[in-house]
Protein backbone atom coordinates (compact mmCIF):
# COMPACT_ATOMS: atom_id res chain seq x y z
CA MET A 1 -148.10 -120.41 -43.02
CA ASP A 2 -146.67 -123.25 -40.85
CA ALA A 3 -143.57 -123.42 -43.04
CA LEU A 4 -143.02 -119.73 -42.66
CA CYS A 5 -143.37 -119.97 -38.93
CA LEU A 6 -140.88 -122.85 -38.69
CA SER A 7 -138.30 -121.10 -40.83
CA SER A 8 -138.59 -117.76 -39.07
CA PRO A 9 -136.18 -116.98 -36.24
CA PRO A 10 -137.63 -117.25 -32.74
CA LEU A 11 -138.98 -114.08 -31.23
CA SER A 12 -136.73 -112.44 -28.67
CA LEU A 13 -138.66 -111.75 -25.46
CA ASN A 14 -137.39 -109.63 -22.65
CA PRO A 15 -137.59 -111.18 -19.14
CA LEU A 16 -140.84 -109.35 -18.29
CA SER A 17 -142.63 -110.52 -21.42
CA ALA A 18 -141.36 -114.08 -20.96
CA HIS A 19 -142.60 -114.08 -17.39
CA LEU A 20 -146.07 -112.85 -18.38
CA LEU A 21 -146.35 -115.52 -21.05
CA SER A 22 -145.19 -118.20 -18.63
CA LEU A 23 -148.10 -117.43 -16.33
CA LYS A 24 -150.35 -119.27 -18.80
CA SER A 25 -148.58 -122.53 -17.91
CA PRO A 26 -150.28 -124.37 -15.02
CA THR A 27 -146.98 -125.96 -14.01
CA LEU A 28 -145.57 -122.59 -12.89
CA LEU A 29 -148.61 -121.38 -10.96
CA SER A 30 -147.72 -123.48 -7.92
CA LYS A 31 -144.79 -121.15 -7.24
CA PRO A 32 -145.98 -117.55 -7.21
CA PRO A 33 -143.54 -114.89 -8.40
CA THR A 34 -141.75 -112.76 -5.83
CA PHE A 35 -141.53 -109.01 -6.03
CA SER A 36 -139.30 -106.44 -4.34
CA LEU A 37 -140.10 -102.83 -3.47
CA ARG A 38 -136.44 -101.83 -3.72
CA PHE A 39 -135.07 -100.24 -6.85
CA SER A 40 -132.71 -102.49 -8.77
CA THR A 41 -129.81 -101.09 -10.72
CA SER A 42 -129.03 -104.24 -12.65
CA PRO A 43 -129.03 -104.18 -16.48
CA GLN A 44 -131.90 -106.70 -16.49
CA PHE A 45 -134.12 -104.26 -14.52
CA PHE A 46 -133.56 -101.43 -16.99
CA LYS A 47 -134.15 -103.77 -19.93
CA CYS A 48 -137.53 -105.10 -18.79
CA SER A 49 -138.87 -102.15 -16.76
CA PRO A 50 -141.40 -99.93 -18.54
CA LEU A 51 -139.58 -97.01 -16.91
CA GLY A 52 -136.20 -98.25 -18.08
CA SER A 53 -134.16 -95.50 -19.70
CA HIS A 54 -130.72 -93.99 -19.62
CA HIS A 55 -132.07 -91.07 -17.61
CA LEU A 56 -133.65 -93.39 -15.03
CA ARG A 57 -130.44 -95.43 -14.76
CA LYS A 58 -128.34 -92.36 -14.01
CA THR A 59 -130.84 -90.99 -11.52
CA LEU A 60 -131.15 -94.21 -9.47
CA VAL A 61 -127.50 -95.27 -9.60
CA ALA A 62 -126.36 -91.77 -8.56
CA ARG A 63 -128.36 -92.06 -5.36
CA SER A 64 -127.05 -95.49 -4.42
CA GLY A 65 -123.46 -94.50 -3.55
CA VAL A 66 -122.15 -91.08 -2.78
CA MET A 67 -125.67 -89.63 -2.88
CA GLY A 68 -126.72 -92.05 -0.19
CA MET A 69 -123.87 -90.90 2.06
CA LEU A 70 -124.78 -87.26 1.46
CA PHE A 71 -128.41 -88.06 2.13
CA SER A 72 -127.41 -89.31 5.57
CA GLU A 73 -126.01 -85.79 6.14
CA ARG A 74 -129.41 -84.31 5.13
CA ILE A 75 -128.13 -83.13 1.75
CA VAL A 76 -130.37 -83.51 -1.31
CA PHE A 77 -129.45 -82.77 -4.94
CA LEU A 78 -131.68 -81.51 -7.72
CA GLY A 79 -129.33 -81.87 -10.67
CA HIS A 80 -131.61 -82.78 -13.57
CA THR A 81 -134.34 -81.36 -15.73
CA ILE A 82 -137.43 -81.40 -13.51
CA ASP A 83 -139.90 -84.08 -14.58
CA ASP A 84 -142.31 -86.31 -12.65
CA LEU A 85 -139.65 -88.90 -11.79
CA VAL A 86 -137.04 -86.41 -10.56
CA ALA A 87 -139.66 -84.46 -8.59
CA ASP A 88 -140.96 -87.65 -6.94
CA LEU A 89 -137.47 -88.70 -5.89
CA VAL A 90 -136.61 -85.31 -4.37
CA ILE A 91 -140.04 -85.11 -2.69
CA SER A 92 -139.63 -88.56 -1.14
CA GLU A 93 -136.21 -87.59 0.23
CA LEU A 94 -137.54 -84.34 1.70
CA LEU A 95 -140.45 -86.11 3.38
CA LEU A 96 -138.23 -88.80 4.84
CA LEU A 97 -135.69 -86.31 6.20
CA ASP A 98 -138.49 -84.22 7.65
CA ALA A 99 -139.94 -87.30 9.33
CA GLN A 100 -136.55 -88.23 10.80
CA ASP A 101 -135.92 -84.87 12.47
CA PRO A 102 -137.98 -81.76 11.67
CA THR A 103 -135.70 -79.62 13.85
CA LYS A 104 -132.64 -80.01 11.59
CA ASP A 105 -132.17 -78.15 8.31
CA ILE A 106 -132.34 -79.88 4.94
CA LYS A 107 -129.86 -78.64 2.36
CA LEU A 108 -131.15 -78.71 -1.23
CA PHE A 109 -128.49 -78.08 -3.89
CA ILE A 110 -129.95 -77.02 -7.23
CA ASN A 111 -128.33 -77.23 -10.68
CA SER A 112 -131.24 -77.48 -13.10
CA PRO A 113 -132.45 -75.77 -16.26
CA GLY A 114 -136.09 -76.14 -15.16
CA GLY A 115 -138.62 -78.49 -16.64
CA SER A 116 -142.22 -79.54 -16.15
CA HIS A 117 -144.39 -76.84 -14.58
CA ARG A 118 -146.65 -79.29 -12.74
CA ALA A 119 -143.74 -81.35 -11.40
CA ALA A 120 -142.06 -78.18 -10.17
CA MET A 121 -145.24 -77.02 -8.49
CA ALA A 122 -145.52 -80.33 -6.62
CA LEU A 123 -141.92 -79.93 -5.39
CA TYR A 124 -142.52 -76.28 -4.48
CA ASP A 125 -145.57 -77.17 -2.37
CA ILE A 126 -143.69 -79.87 -0.46
CA ILE A 127 -140.78 -77.53 0.31
CA ARG A 128 -143.25 -75.04 1.75
CA VAL A 129 -145.15 -77.55 3.93
CA VAL A 130 -142.35 -79.65 5.45
CA ARG A 131 -141.63 -78.73 9.05
CA ALA A 132 -137.85 -78.69 8.68
CA ASP A 133 -136.16 -75.56 7.30
CA VAL A 134 -135.01 -76.11 3.70
CA SER A 135 -131.81 -74.27 2.78
CA THR A 136 -131.64 -73.97 -1.02
CA VAL A 137 -128.30 -73.49 -2.75
CA ALA A 138 -127.99 -72.60 -6.47
CA MET A 139 -124.94 -73.79 -8.33
CA GLY A 140 -124.37 -73.78 -12.06
CA ILE A 141 -127.82 -72.76 -13.28
CA ALA A 142 -131.23 -72.41 -11.64
CA ALA A 143 -133.48 -71.49 -14.53
CA SER A 144 -137.20 -71.29 -15.19
CA SER A 145 -139.10 -73.47 -12.69
CA ALA A 146 -135.84 -74.30 -10.90
CA SER A 147 -135.54 -70.62 -9.88
CA ILE A 148 -138.93 -70.98 -8.18
CA ILE A 149 -137.66 -74.01 -6.29
CA LEU A 150 -134.63 -71.96 -5.28
CA GLY A 151 -136.81 -69.15 -3.95
CA ALA A 152 -139.09 -71.62 -2.11
CA GLY A 153 -136.47 -72.26 0.52
CA THR A 154 -136.67 -70.90 4.04
CA LYS A 155 -136.11 -67.14 4.01
CA GLY A 156 -132.64 -66.27 5.24
CA LYS A 157 -131.34 -69.66 4.04
CA ARG A 158 -131.61 -69.25 0.25
CA LEU A 159 -128.09 -69.11 -1.13
CA ALA A 160 -126.11 -69.25 -4.39
CA MET A 161 -122.57 -70.08 -5.37
CA PRO A 162 -120.53 -67.11 -6.69
CA ASN A 163 -120.62 -68.29 -10.33
CA ALA A 164 -124.21 -69.53 -10.42
CA ARG A 165 -126.79 -68.03 -12.77
CA ILE A 166 -130.47 -67.56 -11.96
CA MET A 167 -133.05 -67.11 -14.71
CA MET A 168 -136.75 -66.27 -14.37
CA CYS A 169 -139.19 -66.66 -17.25
CA GLN A 170 -142.88 -67.21 -17.94
CA PRO A 171 -144.17 -70.76 -18.47
CA LEU A 172 -143.73 -72.31 -21.88
CA GLY A 173 -146.24 -74.49 -23.68
CA GLY A 174 -147.82 -75.49 -26.95
CA ALA A 175 -150.84 -77.29 -28.27
CA SER A 176 -152.41 -78.59 -31.44
CA GLY A 177 -155.82 -79.97 -32.33
CA PRO A 178 -159.38 -78.69 -32.63
CA VAL A 179 -160.08 -75.05 -31.88
CA THR A 180 -162.05 -75.96 -28.76
CA GLU A 181 -159.07 -77.84 -27.30
CA LEU A 182 -156.74 -74.96 -28.18
CA GLU A 183 -158.98 -72.60 -26.23
CA PHE A 184 -158.80 -74.86 -23.17
CA GLU A 185 -155.01 -75.19 -23.47
CA THR A 186 -154.63 -71.41 -23.82
CA LYS A 187 -156.73 -70.88 -20.72
CA GLU A 188 -154.57 -73.33 -18.78
CA LEU A 189 -151.33 -71.67 -19.94
CA LYS A 190 -152.64 -68.31 -18.77
CA GLN A 191 -153.50 -69.80 -15.40
CA ASN A 192 -149.99 -71.29 -15.14
CA LYS A 193 -148.53 -67.87 -15.85
CA ALA A 194 -150.73 -66.26 -13.20
CA ASP A 195 -149.62 -68.90 -10.67
CA VAL A 196 -145.95 -68.27 -11.43
CA ILE A 197 -146.37 -64.50 -11.14
CA LYS A 198 -148.09 -64.84 -7.77
CA ILE A 199 -145.44 -67.25 -6.44
CA ILE A 200 -142.56 -64.97 -7.49
CA SER A 201 -144.41 -62.00 -6.01
CA ASP A 202 -144.79 -63.83 -2.69
CA ILE A 203 -141.13 -64.89 -2.71
CA THR A 204 -139.62 -61.51 -3.61
CA GLY A 205 -142.17 -59.00 -2.32
CA HIS A 206 -142.58 -57.31 -5.71
CA THR A 207 -146.01 -56.39 -7.03
CA LEU A 208 -147.80 -58.67 -9.47
CA GLU A 209 -147.54 -56.01 -12.19
CA GLN A 210 -143.78 -55.67 -11.68
CA VAL A 211 -143.21 -59.42 -11.78
CA GLU A 212 -145.32 -59.83 -14.93
CA LYS A 213 -143.20 -57.18 -16.61
CA ASP A 214 -139.94 -58.71 -15.40
CA ILE A 215 -140.69 -62.22 -16.75
CA ASP A 216 -142.09 -61.00 -20.06
CA LYS A 217 -138.79 -62.27 -21.46
CA ASP A 218 -136.03 -64.45 -20.01
CA ARG A 219 -134.32 -62.57 -17.18
CA TYR A 220 -130.86 -63.78 -16.25
CA MET A 221 -129.34 -62.65 -12.96
CA SER A 222 -126.03 -62.97 -11.19
CA PRO A 223 -126.13 -64.06 -7.55
CA ILE A 224 -125.76 -60.41 -6.43
CA GLU A 225 -128.62 -59.36 -8.70
CA ALA A 226 -130.73 -62.26 -7.40
CA VAL A 227 -130.11 -61.08 -3.84
CA GLU A 228 -131.20 -57.56 -4.81
CA TYR A 229 -134.31 -58.91 -6.51
CA GLY A 230 -135.22 -61.12 -3.53
CA ILE A 231 -134.94 -64.60 -5.02
CA ILE A 232 -132.08 -65.50 -2.66
CA ASP A 233 -130.71 -64.06 0.56
CA ASP A 234 -126.93 -64.37 0.29
CA VAL A 235 -123.99 -65.51 -1.81
CA ILE A 236 -121.72 -68.28 -0.57
CA ASP A 237 -117.99 -67.63 -0.26
CA ARG A 238 -115.21 -69.32 1.65
CA ASP A 239 -116.24 -67.59 4.85
CA SER A 240 -119.94 -68.47 4.58
CA ILE A 241 -119.80 -71.99 3.18
CA VAL A 242 -122.79 -74.17 4.00
CA PRO A 243 -121.89 -75.94 7.25
CA LEU A 244 -121.91 -79.74 7.02
CA MET A 245 -121.96 -82.30 9.78
CA PRO A 246 -118.59 -84.05 10.20
CA ILE A 247 -118.50 -87.29 8.26
CA PRO A 248 -117.74 -90.29 10.48
CA GLU A 249 -114.59 -92.28 9.96
CA PHE A 250 -115.30 -95.29 7.78
CA ARG A 251 -114.36 -98.74 9.06
CA ARG A 252 -114.72 -101.67 6.73
CA ASP A 253 -116.16 -104.89 8.09
CA LYS A 254 -113.83 -107.77 7.27
CA ARG A 255 -116.85 -109.97 6.53
CA PHE A 256 -118.22 -107.47 4.01
CA PRO A 257 -115.24 -105.55 2.56
CA ASN A 258 -117.45 -103.64 0.10
CA GLU A 259 -119.76 -102.18 2.76
CA PHE A 260 -119.24 -99.59 5.49
CA SER A 261 -119.85 -100.95 8.97
CA ASN A 262 -120.68 -97.84 11.00
CA ILE A 263 -123.00 -95.87 8.76
CA ASP A 264 -126.69 -96.50 8.31
CA LEU A 265 -127.93 -95.13 5.04
CA GLU A 266 -131.49 -96.37 5.60
CA PRO A 267 -132.42 -95.54 9.22
CA ASP A 268 -135.63 -97.01 10.55
CA VAL A 269 -138.48 -94.49 10.72
CA PRO A 270 -141.85 -95.38 12.28
CA ASP A 271 -144.63 -95.62 9.70
CA ASP A 272 -146.72 -93.05 11.53
CA GLU A 273 -143.93 -90.47 11.20
CA ILE A 274 -144.00 -90.50 7.40
CA TYR A 275 -146.73 -88.49 5.72
């Protein structure tokens, strides 16, 4: 056994595993490890993080540059399949912008095929409870649960680009296992469907019976059809483009040529203003 161990190649440990193993050594305990609450976009972070994935890399990196500048203009993007991570990121941005100034609108651009029902419901609830008006704008596709997020915006401020498509459908799901578990899962799916029907009814003003009939199969709509149905309020054209705050002129600091000197992407917000 010893010979086999000596002749075998050494195990390759990622930085996180190596650090955990090193904690057993008393010589390293005198210097406690340091941690940071900021997201890192380095390759080492994505290699050792349990959340490391190509999807996570794209989501975090996208928000570190141009997305950060747009965020300072109170613009938020939902451009992925809705899962727990994406919903948490959008929710955190909405809460922060609402804490900064609840009197200014938040613009939420949506290009999503839908996703997790529970993650979408969490995002829907936050949009409805923040004090700031949320102007939702569909572009590309707003399908399934993303169409509910689109309709959750402030009435009168729910918009769509001319070539966007909106699709409503009933929740999808599946289960396997013992009959008892299947019965519970079936009951939960029926409850999810009832929740979706009620939400769409509240958004559009249609009766529960009419909505149930309309989402019995996938229903695709053009922006004009979505306005007629009540999911959105208007279609954007060149004359009714979403107004944006003027972007300040960028001046580069000679000491830090890679950073902008007159724009603060992380303004200070008192702790008691974030909820």
